């Protein structure tokens, strides 16, 4: 069966997350699978690079799909998009490409990148509603950036993972965690080979505590070293989180 890589963009607001859920809960994965079946009658299961939570968005998710016959890659992209649009889905296939059988969107990935956006102003967002975390109190982005450095490197991130996380180990290597201000928007960008469930939102929520002056960098480090979920700050809402890229080995 020919395998295709799908590069995907979606608004996570209307969905119960990436992963297919029980009946009555619509997911991004299910939306794409239904569009594929309407296109070519293949009832298949696709695999994504990251299982984003309900309300989390993506500008560059990756999945792979095994179809029953060879199609031109552009036909796959355009046909699946046509059925997604007909169904009123908030999902777009940015590109499709034939890939070797050993390509796996999840297990072949060697890096994942996320962006978290905070609207830091007194007035609530209108155009960006559902795409940012609105924090009306002024945050010190520079203090957040400096404190973020204590989380870089390889650590036990038990404090910053969901109690429902199914990963075998809490150890992760955080390669990037940058906080910058762009006018009234604070952007938190982070990269790692893989992340724990709720890790990014947990780190952002704790960094907010630093930004508002309730925590110092030492407090953040103590939370990390506690290896205790109870030591985590507020978990940031899903609205501001975007999966922005997935890296694979050069072919």
C-alpha atoms as a PDB file:
ATOM      1  CA  UNK A   1       0.000   0.000   0.000  1.00  0.00           C
ATOM      2  CA  UNK A   2       1.521   3.359  -0.967  1.00  0.00           C
ATOM      3  CA  UNK A   3       2.243   5.625   1.979  1.00  0.00           C
ATOM      4  CA  UNK A   4       1.706   9.382   1.945  1.00  0.00           C
ATOM      5  CA  UNK A   5       2.965  12.090   4.249  1.00  0.00           C
ATOM      6  CA  UNK A   6       0.344  14.738   4.993  1.00  0.00           C
ATOM      7  CA  UNK A   7       1.279  18.203   6.269  1.00  0.00           C
ATOM      8  CA  UNK A   8      -1.691  19.615   8.117  1.00  0.00           C
ATOM      9  CA  UNK A   9      -3.002  22.899   9.503  1.00  0.00           C
ATOM     10  CA  UNK A  10      -5.998  23.123  11.815  1.00  0.00           C
ATOM     11  CA  UNK A  11      -7.981  25.231  14.225  1.00  0.00           C
ATOM     12  CA  UNK A  12      -8.263  23.007  17.267  1.00  0.00           C
ATOM     13  CA  UNK A  13     -11.144  24.935  18.820  1.00  0.00           C
ATOM     14  CA  UNK A  14     -14.023  22.804  17.477  1.00  0.00           C
ATOM     15  CA  UNK A  15     -12.314  19.466  18.127  1.00  0.00           C
ATOM     16  CA  UNK A  16     -11.793  17.100  21.043  1.00  0.00           C
ATOM     17  CA  UNK A  17      -8.113  16.929  20.124  1.00  0.00           C
ATOM     18  CA  UNK A  18      -6.071  15.226  17.437  1.00  0.00           C
ATOM     19  CA  UNK A  19      -6.766  11.617  18.390  1.00  0.00           C
ATOM     20  CA  UNK A  20      -9.930   9.792  17.367  1.00  0.00           C
ATOM     21  CA  UNK A  21     -12.352   9.707  20.294  1.00  0.00           C
ATOM     22  CA  UNK A  22     -15.489   7.855  21.343  1.00  0.00           C
ATOM     23  CA  UNK A  23     -18.695   8.460  19.413  1.00  0.00           C
ATOM     24  CA  UNK A  24     -20.008  11.977  19.789  1.00  0.00           C
ATOM     25  CA  UNK A  25     -16.577  13.576  20.170  1.00  0.00           C
ATOM     26  CA  UNK A  26     -15.194  14.811  16.867  1.00  0.00           C
ATOM     27  CA  UNK A  27     -11.410  14.870  16.410  1.00  0.00           C
ATOM     28  CA  UNK A  28      -8.995  16.180  13.792  1.00  0.00           C
ATOM     29  CA  UNK A  29      -7.857  12.640  13.004  1.00  0.00           C
ATOM     30  CA  UNK A  30     -11.440  11.507  12.428  1.00  0.00           C
ATOM     31  CA  UNK A  31     -12.166  14.505  10.194  1.00  0.00           C
ATOM     32  CA  UNK A  32      -9.235  13.633   7.913  1.00  0.00           C
ATOM     33  CA  UNK A  33     -10.007   9.905   7.899  1.00  0.00           C
ATOM     34  CA  UNK A  34     -13.610  10.601   6.910  1.00  0.00           C
ATOM     35  CA  UNK A  35     -12.462  12.899   4.086  1.00  0.00           C
ATOM     36  CA  UNK A  36     -10.038  10.228   2.821  1.00  0.00           C
ATOM     37  CA  UNK A  37     -12.771   7.599   2.828  1.00  0.00           C
ATOM     38  CA  UNK A  38     -15.093   9.868   0.852  1.00  0.00           C
ATOM     39  CA  UNK A  39     -12.300  10.550  -1.624  1.00  0.00           C
ATOM     40  CA  UNK A  40     -11.099   7.023  -2.350  1.00  0.00           C
ATOM     41  CA  UNK A  41     -13.272   4.644  -0.261  1.00  0.00           C
ATOM     42  CA  UNK A  42     -10.301   3.662   1.923  1.00  0.00           C
ATOM     43  CA  UNK A  43     -11.408   3.215   5.541  1.00  0.00           C
ATOM     44  CA  UNK A  44      -8.029   3.727   7.184  1.00  0.00           C
ATOM     45  CA  UNK A  45      -6.407   4.967  10.370  1.00  0.00           C
ATOM     46  CA  UNK A  46      -3.813   7.711  10.014  1.00  0.00           C
ATOM     47  CA  UNK A  47      -1.009   8.407  12.485  1.00  0.00           C
ATOM     48  CA  UNK A  48      -0.004  11.901  13.559  1.00  0.00           C
ATOM     49  CA  UNK A  49       3.295  13.208  14.875  1.00  0.00           C
ATOM     50  CA  UNK A  50       1.700  14.716  17.964  1.00  0.00           C
ATOM     51  CA  UNK A  51      -1.528  14.050  19.855  1.00  0.00           C
ATOM     52  CA  UNK A  52      -2.575  17.634  20.467  1.00  0.00           C
ATOM     53  CA  UNK A  53      -5.231  18.202  23.138  1.00  0.00           C
ATOM     54  CA  UNK A  54      -8.707  19.621  22.689  1.00  0.00           C
ATOM     55  CA  UNK A  55      -8.465  23.279  21.665  1.00  0.00           C
ATOM     56  CA  UNK A  56      -4.795  23.120  20.620  1.00  0.00           C
ATOM     57  CA  UNK A  57      -4.002  24.290  17.089  1.00  0.00           C
ATOM     58  CA  UNK A  58      -1.423  23.340  14.459  1.00  0.00           C
ATOM     59  CA  UNK A  59       0.273  25.218  11.669  1.00  0.00           C
ATOM     60  CA  UNK A  60       2.416  22.203  10.783  1.00  0.00           C
ATOM     61  CA  UNK A  61       1.165  18.851  12.046  1.00  0.00           C
ATOM     62  CA  UNK A  62       2.357  15.768  10.147  1.00  0.00           C
ATOM     63  CA  UNK A  63       0.569  12.458   9.616  1.00  0.00           C
ATOM     64  CA  UNK A  64       0.989   9.459   7.368  1.00  0.00           C
ATOM     65  CA  UNK A  65      -1.705   7.530   5.517  1.00  0.00           C
ATOM     66  CA  UNK A  66      -1.553   4.203   3.684  1.00  0.00           C
ATOM     67  CA  UNK A  67      -3.851   4.229   0.647  1.00  0.00           C
ATOM     68  CA  UNK A  68      -4.915   1.264  -1.474  1.00  0.00           C
ATOM     69  CA  UNK A  69      -3.642   2.675  -4.778  1.00  0.00           C
ATOM     70  CA  UNK A  70      -1.121   5.158  -6.107  1.00  0.00           C
ATOM     71  CA  UNK A  71      -2.435   8.672  -6.548  1.00  0.00           C
ATOM     72  CA  UNK A  72      -0.585  11.816  -7.636  1.00  0.00           C
ATOM     73  CA  UNK A  73       0.343  13.634  -4.420  1.00  0.00           C
ATOM     74  CA  UNK A  74      -1.403  16.817  -5.538  1.00  0.00           C
ATOM     75  CA  UNK A  75      -4.591  14.840  -6.174  1.00  0.00           C
ATOM     76  CA  UNK A  76      -4.472  13.473  -2.623  1.00  0.00           C
ATOM     77  CA  UNK A  77      -4.038  16.970  -1.202  1.00  0.00           C
ATOM     78  CA  UNK A  78      -6.722  18.609  -3.307  1.00  0.00           C
ATOM     79  CA  UNK A  79      -9.308  15.832  -3.044  1.00  0.00           C
ATOM     80  CA  UNK A  80      -9.006  15.474   0.732  1.00  0.00           C
ATOM     81  CA  UNK A  81      -9.233  19.249   1.100  1.00  0.00           C
ATOM     82  CA  UNK A  82     -12.351  19.324  -1.057  1.00  0.00           C
ATOM     83  CA  UNK A  83     -14.124  16.835   1.202  1.00  0.00           C
ATOM     84  CA  UNK A  84     -12.894  18.600   4.350  1.00  0.00           C
ATOM     85  CA  UNK A  85     -14.367  21.851   3.048  1.00  0.00           C
ATOM     86  CA  UNK A  86     -17.650  20.219   2.113  1.00  0.00           C
ATOM     87  CA  UNK A  87     -17.948  18.908   5.652  1.00  0.00           C
ATOM     88  CA  UNK A  88     -17.235  22.348   7.109  1.00  0.00           C
ATOM     89  CA  UNK A  89     -14.073  21.165   8.875  1.00  0.00           C
ATOM     90  CA  UNK A  90     -11.465  23.611  10.172  1.00  0.00           C
ATOM     91  CA  UNK A  91      -8.669  21.426   8.817  1.00  0.00           C
ATOM     92  CA  UNK A  92      -6.467  21.843   5.729  1.00  0.00           C
ATOM     93  CA  UNK A  93      -3.953  19.522   4.085  1.00  0.00           C
ATOM     94  CA  UNK A  94      -1.072  21.847   3.226  1.00  0.00           C
ATOM     95  CA  UNK A  95       0.787  19.222   1.243  1.00  0.00           C
ATOM     96  CA  UNK A  96       0.932  15.524   0.435  1.00  0.00           C
ATOM     97  CA  UNK A  97       3.962  13.498  -0.635  1.00  0.00           C
ATOM     98  CA  UNK A  98       4.674   9.847  -1.351  1.00  0.00           C
ATOM     99  CA  UNK A  99       7.130   8.497   1.236  1.00  0.00           C
ATOM    100  CA  UNK A 100       8.900   5.174   1.871  1.00  0.00           C
ATOM    101  CA  UNK A 101       7.068   2.466   3.801  1.00  0.00           C
ATOM    102  CA  UNK A 102       9.373   2.919   6.787  1.00  0.00           C
ATOM    103  CA  UNK A 103       8.383   6.579   7.262  1.00  0.00           C
ATOM    104  CA  UNK A 104       6.319   6.952  10.422  1.00  0.00           C
ATOM    105  CA  UNK A 105       4.932  10.384  11.243  1.00  0.00           C
ATOM    106  CA  UNK A 106       5.248   9.765  14.973  1.00  0.00           C
ATOM    107  CA  UNK A 107       8.194   7.448  15.469  1.00  0.00           C
ATOM    108  CA  UNK A 108      10.441   8.843  12.715  1.00  0.00           C
ATOM    109  CA  UNK A 109      10.225  12.367  14.149  1.00  0.00           C
ATOM    110  CA  UNK A 110      13.390  13.738  15.739  1.00  0.00           C
ATOM    111  CA  UNK A 111      12.097  17.132  16.825  1.00  0.00           C
ATOM    112  CA  UNK A 112       8.875  18.953  17.628  1.00  0.00           C
ATOM    113  CA  UNK A 113       8.287  22.680  17.907  1.00  0.00           C
ATOM    114  CA  UNK A 114       5.542  24.590  19.690  1.00  0.00           C
ATOM    115  CA  UNK A 115       4.488  28.212  20.006  1.00  0.00           C
ATOM    116  CA  UNK A 116       2.389  29.584  22.855  1.00  0.00           C
ATOM    117  CA  UNK A 117       0.824  33.039  22.476  1.00  0.00           C
ATOM    118  CA  UNK A 118      -0.282  35.296  25.331  1.00  0.00           C
ATOM    119  CA  UNK A 119      -2.323  38.439  24.665  1.00  0.00           C
ATOM    120  CA  UNK A 120      -0.930  40.685  27.386  1.00  0.00           C
ATOM    121  CA  UNK A 121      -3.160  43.762  27.423  1.00  0.00           C
ATOM    122  CA  UNK A 122      -6.056  45.209  29.392  1.00  0.00           C
ATOM    123  CA  UNK A 123      -8.579  44.816  26.577  1.00  0.00           C
ATOM    124  CA  UNK A 124      -9.749  41.287  25.739  1.00  0.00           C
ATOM    125  CA  UNK A 125      -8.959  39.903  22.283  1.00  0.00           C
ATOM    126  CA  UNK A 126     -11.586  40.005  19.553  1.00  0.00           C
ATOM    127  CA  UNK A 127      -9.882  38.815  16.365  1.00  0.00           C
ATOM    128  CA  UNK A 128      -7.599  36.394  18.241  1.00  0.00           C
ATOM    129  CA  UNK A 129     -10.241  34.994  20.585  1.00  0.00           C
ATOM    130  CA  UNK A 130      -9.543  31.272  20.972  1.00  0.00           C
ATOM    131  CA  UNK A 131      -6.006  31.671  19.603  1.00  0.00           C
ATOM    132  CA  UNK A 132      -4.335  33.313  22.622  1.00  0.00           C
ATOM    133  CA  UNK A 133      -4.371  33.247  26.405  1.00  0.00           C
ATOM    134  CA  UNK A 134      -5.628  36.641  27.542  1.00  0.00           C
ATOM    135  CA  UNK A 135      -3.652  37.891  30.550  1.00  0.00           C
ATOM    136  CA  UNK A 136      -4.613  41.515  31.375  1.00  0.00           C
ATOM    137  CA  UNK A 137      -1.926  42.028  34.041  1.00  0.00           C
ATOM    138  CA  UNK A 138       1.397  43.238  32.626  1.00  0.00           C
ATOM    139  CA  UNK A 139       3.957  40.419  32.468  1.00  0.00           C
ATOM    140  CA  UNK A 140       7.740  40.804  32.552  1.00  0.00           C
ATOM    141  CA  UNK A 141       8.757  38.842  29.464  1.00  0.00           C
ATOM    142  CA  UNK A 142      12.474  39.330  30.135  1.00  0.00           C
ATOM    143  CA  UNK A 143      12.156  37.797  33.612  1.00  0.00           C
ATOM    144  CA  UNK A 144      10.203  34.900  32.096  1.00  0.00           C
ATOM    145  CA  UNK A 145      12.914  34.343  29.485  1.00  0.00           C
ATOM    146  CA  UNK A 146      15.702  34.355  32.072  1.00  0.00           C
ATOM    147  CA  UNK A 147      13.823  31.973  34.352  1.00  0.00           C
ATOM    148  CA  UNK A 148      13.084  29.642  31.445  1.00  0.00           C
ATOM    149  CA  UNK A 149      16.777  28.818  31.219  1.00  0.00           C
ATOM    150  CA  UNK A 150      16.534  26.617  34.332  1.00  0.00           C
ATOM    151  CA  UNK A 151      14.272  24.246  32.387  1.00  0.00           C
ATOM    152  CA  UNK A 152      16.664  23.779  29.471  1.00  0.00           C
ATOM    153  CA  UNK A 153      18.517  20.490  29.144  1.00  0.00           C
ATOM    154  CA  UNK A 154      17.644  16.998  30.329  1.00  0.00           C
ATOM    155  CA  UNK A 155      15.459  16.823  33.420  1.00  0.00           C
ATOM    156  CA  UNK A 156      12.792  14.844  35.184  1.00  0.00           C
ATOM    157  CA  UNK A 157       9.715  16.894  34.216  1.00  0.00           C
ATOM    158  CA  UNK A 158       7.252  15.139  36.547  1.00  0.00           C
ATOM    159  CA  UNK A 159       6.132  18.526  37.904  1.00  0.00           C
ATOM    160  CA  UNK A 160       5.205  19.667  34.411  1.00  0.00           C
ATOM    161  CA  UNK A 161       3.304  16.665  33.094  1.00  0.00           C
ATOM    162  CA  UNK A 162      -0.317  15.643  33.395  1.00  0.00           C
ATOM    163  CA  UNK A 163      -1.236  12.982  35.923  1.00  0.00           C
ATOM    164  CA  UNK A 164      -2.844  11.245  32.932  1.00  0.00           C
ATOM    165  CA  UNK A 165       0.432  11.196  30.959  1.00  0.00           C
ATOM    166  CA  UNK A 166       1.127   7.744  29.553  1.00  0.00           C
ATOM    167  CA  UNK A 167       4.830   8.227  28.782  1.00  0.00           C
ATOM    168  CA  UNK A 168       7.081   5.550  30.275  1.00  0.00           C
ATOM    169  CA  UNK A 169       9.568   8.104  31.613  1.00  0.00           C
ATOM    170  CA  UNK A 170       9.319  11.729  32.796  1.00  0.00           C
ATOM    171  CA  UNK A 171      12.824  12.421  31.474  1.00  0.00           C
ATOM    172  CA  UNK A 172      12.950  14.808  28.531  1.00  0.00           C
ATOM    173  CA  UNK A 173      15.597  17.025  26.940  1.00  0.00           C
ATOM    174  CA  UNK A 174      14.357  20.560  26.376  1.00  0.00           C
ATOM    175  CA  UNK A 175      16.391  22.133  23.587  1.00  0.00           C
ATOM    176  CA  UNK A 176      14.705  25.536  23.393  1.00  0.00           C
ATOM    177  CA  UNK A 177      12.480  27.666  25.623  1.00  0.00           C
ATOM    178  CA  UNK A 178      12.450  31.317  24.561  1.00  0.00           C
ATOM    179  CA  UNK A 179      10.113  34.059  25.742  1.00  0.00           C
ATOM    180  CA  UNK A 180       9.813  37.260  23.703  1.00  0.00           C
ATOM    181  CA  UNK A 181       7.444  40.207  23.599  1.00  0.00           C
ATOM    182  CA  UNK A 182       6.023  41.475  20.319  1.00  0.00           C
ATOM    183  CA  UNK A 183       4.059  44.556  21.315  1.00  0.00           C
ATOM    184  CA  UNK A 184       1.064  43.325  23.304  1.00  0.00           C
ATOM    185  CA  UNK A 185       1.766  39.666  22.515  1.00  0.00           C
ATOM    186  CA  UNK A 186       4.152  37.423  24.428  1.00  0.00           C
ATOM    187  CA  UNK A 187       5.433  34.410  22.484  1.00  0.00           C
ATOM    188  CA  UNK A 188       6.871  31.313  24.120  1.00  0.00           C
ATOM    189  CA  UNK A 189       8.695  29.037  21.665  1.00  0.00           C
ATOM    190  CA  UNK A 190       9.959  25.631  22.690  1.00  0.00           C
ATOM    191  CA  UNK A 191      11.586  22.642  20.996  1.00  0.00           C
ATOM    192  CA  UNK A 192      12.414  19.071  21.998  1.00  0.00           C
ATOM    193  CA  UNK A 193      12.551  15.634  20.471  1.00  0.00           C
ATOM    194  CA  UNK A 194       9.299  14.893  22.303  1.00  0.00           C
ATOM    195  CA  UNK A 195       7.147  16.377  25.051  1.00  0.00           C
ATOM    196  CA  UNK A 196       5.133  14.948  27.915  1.00  0.00           C
ATOM    197  CA  UNK A 197       1.361  15.349  28.075  1.00  0.00           C
ATOM    198  CA  UNK A 198       0.562  18.965  29.050  1.00  0.00           C
ATOM    199  CA  UNK A 199       4.284  19.783  29.436  1.00  0.00           C
ATOM    200  CA  UNK A 200       4.261  22.937  27.322  1.00  0.00           C
ATOM    201  CA  UNK A 201       1.089  24.353  28.877  1.00  0.00           C
ATOM    202  CA  UNK A 202       2.390  23.526  32.350  1.00  0.00           C
ATOM    203  CA  UNK A 203       5.700  25.296  31.721  1.00  0.00           C
ATOM    204  CA  UNK A 204       3.934  28.344  30.277  1.00  0.00           C
ATOM    205  CA  UNK A 205       1.594  28.567  33.259  1.00  0.00           C
ATOM    206  CA  UNK A 206       4.539  28.470  35.661  1.00  0.00           C
ATOM    207  CA  UNK A 207       6.450  31.042  33.615  1.00  0.00           C
ATOM    208  CA  UNK A 208       3.416  33.325  33.890  1.00  0.00           C
ATOM    209  CA  UNK A 209       3.884  33.185  37.673  1.00  0.00           C
ATOM    210  CA  UNK A 210       7.389  34.527  37.125  1.00  0.00           C
ATOM    211  CA  UNK A 211       6.147  37.201  34.734  1.00  0.00           C
ATOM    212  CA  UNK A 212       3.619  38.551  37.204  1.00  0.00           C
ATOM    213  CA  UNK A 213       6.189  38.629  40.011  1.00  0.00           C
ATOM    214  CA  UNK A 214       4.731  35.827  42.126  1.00  0.00           C
ATOM    215  CA  UNK A 215       7.692  33.508  41.455  1.00  0.00           C
ATOM    216  CA  UNK A 216      11.421  33.955  40.906  1.00  0.00           C
ATOM    217  CA  UNK A 217      13.664  31.838  38.733  1.00  0.00           C
ATOM    218  CA  UNK A 218      14.669  30.026  41.924  1.00  0.00           C
ATOM    219  CA  UNK A 219      11.019  29.186  42.601  1.00  0.00           C
ATOM    220  CA  UNK A 220      10.690  27.748  39.105  1.00  0.00           C
ATOM    221  CA  UNK A 221      13.814  25.665  39.614  1.00  0.00           C
ATOM    222  CA  UNK A 222      12.488  24.442  42.969  1.00  0.00           C
ATOM    223  CA  UNK A 223       9.249  23.402  41.273  1.00  0.00           C
ATOM    224  CA  UNK A 224      11.228  21.431  38.698  1.00  0.00           C
ATOM    225  CA  UNK A 225      13.342  19.744  41.341  1.00  0.00           C
ATOM    226  CA  UNK A 226      10.287  18.874  43.443  1.00  0.00           C
ATOM    227  CA  UNK A 227       9.229  16.309  40.816  1.00  0.00           C
ATOM    228  CA  UNK A 228       5.711  16.798  42.131  1.00  0.00           C
ATOM    229  CA  UNK A 229       2.693  17.781  40.047  1.00  0.00           C
ATOM    230  CA  UNK A 230       1.368  19.793  42.983  1.00  0.00           C
ATOM    231  CA  UNK A 231       4.382  22.122  42.685  1.00  0.00           C
ATOM    232  CA  UNK A 232       3.365  23.235  39.173  1.00  0.00           C
ATOM    233  CA  UNK A 233       1.848  26.653  38.594  1.00  0.00           C
ATOM    234  CA  UNK A 234      -1.406  27.142  36.729  1.00  0.00           C
ATOM    235  CA  UNK A 235      -1.707  25.045  33.559  1.00  0.00           C
ATOM    236  CA  UNK A 236      -2.122  27.466  30.660  1.00  0.00           C
ATOM    237  CA  UNK A 237      -5.321  26.989  28.627  1.00  0.00           C
ATOM    238  CA  UNK A 238      -5.101  25.242  25.250  1.00  0.00           C
ATOM    239  CA  UNK A 239      -6.192  28.304  23.249  1.00  0.00           C
ATOM    240  CA  UNK A 240      -2.735  29.817  22.764  1.00  0.00           C
ATOM    241  CA  UNK A 241      -0.841  26.626  21.884  1.00  0.00           C
ATOM    242  CA  UNK A 242       0.230  25.774  18.329  1.00  0.00           C
ATOM    243  CA  UNK A 243       2.224  22.823  16.989  1.00  0.00           C
ATOM    244  CA  UNK A 244       4.437  24.675  14.513  1.00  0.00           C
ATOM    245  CA  UNK A 245       6.794  22.045  13.149  1.00  0.00           C
ATOM    246  CA  UNK A 246       8.029  18.471  13.170  1.00  0.00           C
ATOM    247  CA  UNK A 247      11.567  17.486  12.153  1.00  0.00           C
ATOM    248  CA  UNK A 248      12.631  14.291  10.406  1.00  0.00           C
ATOM    249  CA  UNK A 249      16.051  12.942   9.394  1.00  0.00           C
ATOM    250  CA  UNK A 250      17.310  14.199   6.056  1.00  0.00           C
ATOM    251  CA  UNK A 251      16.644  11.627   3.337  1.00  0.00           C
END
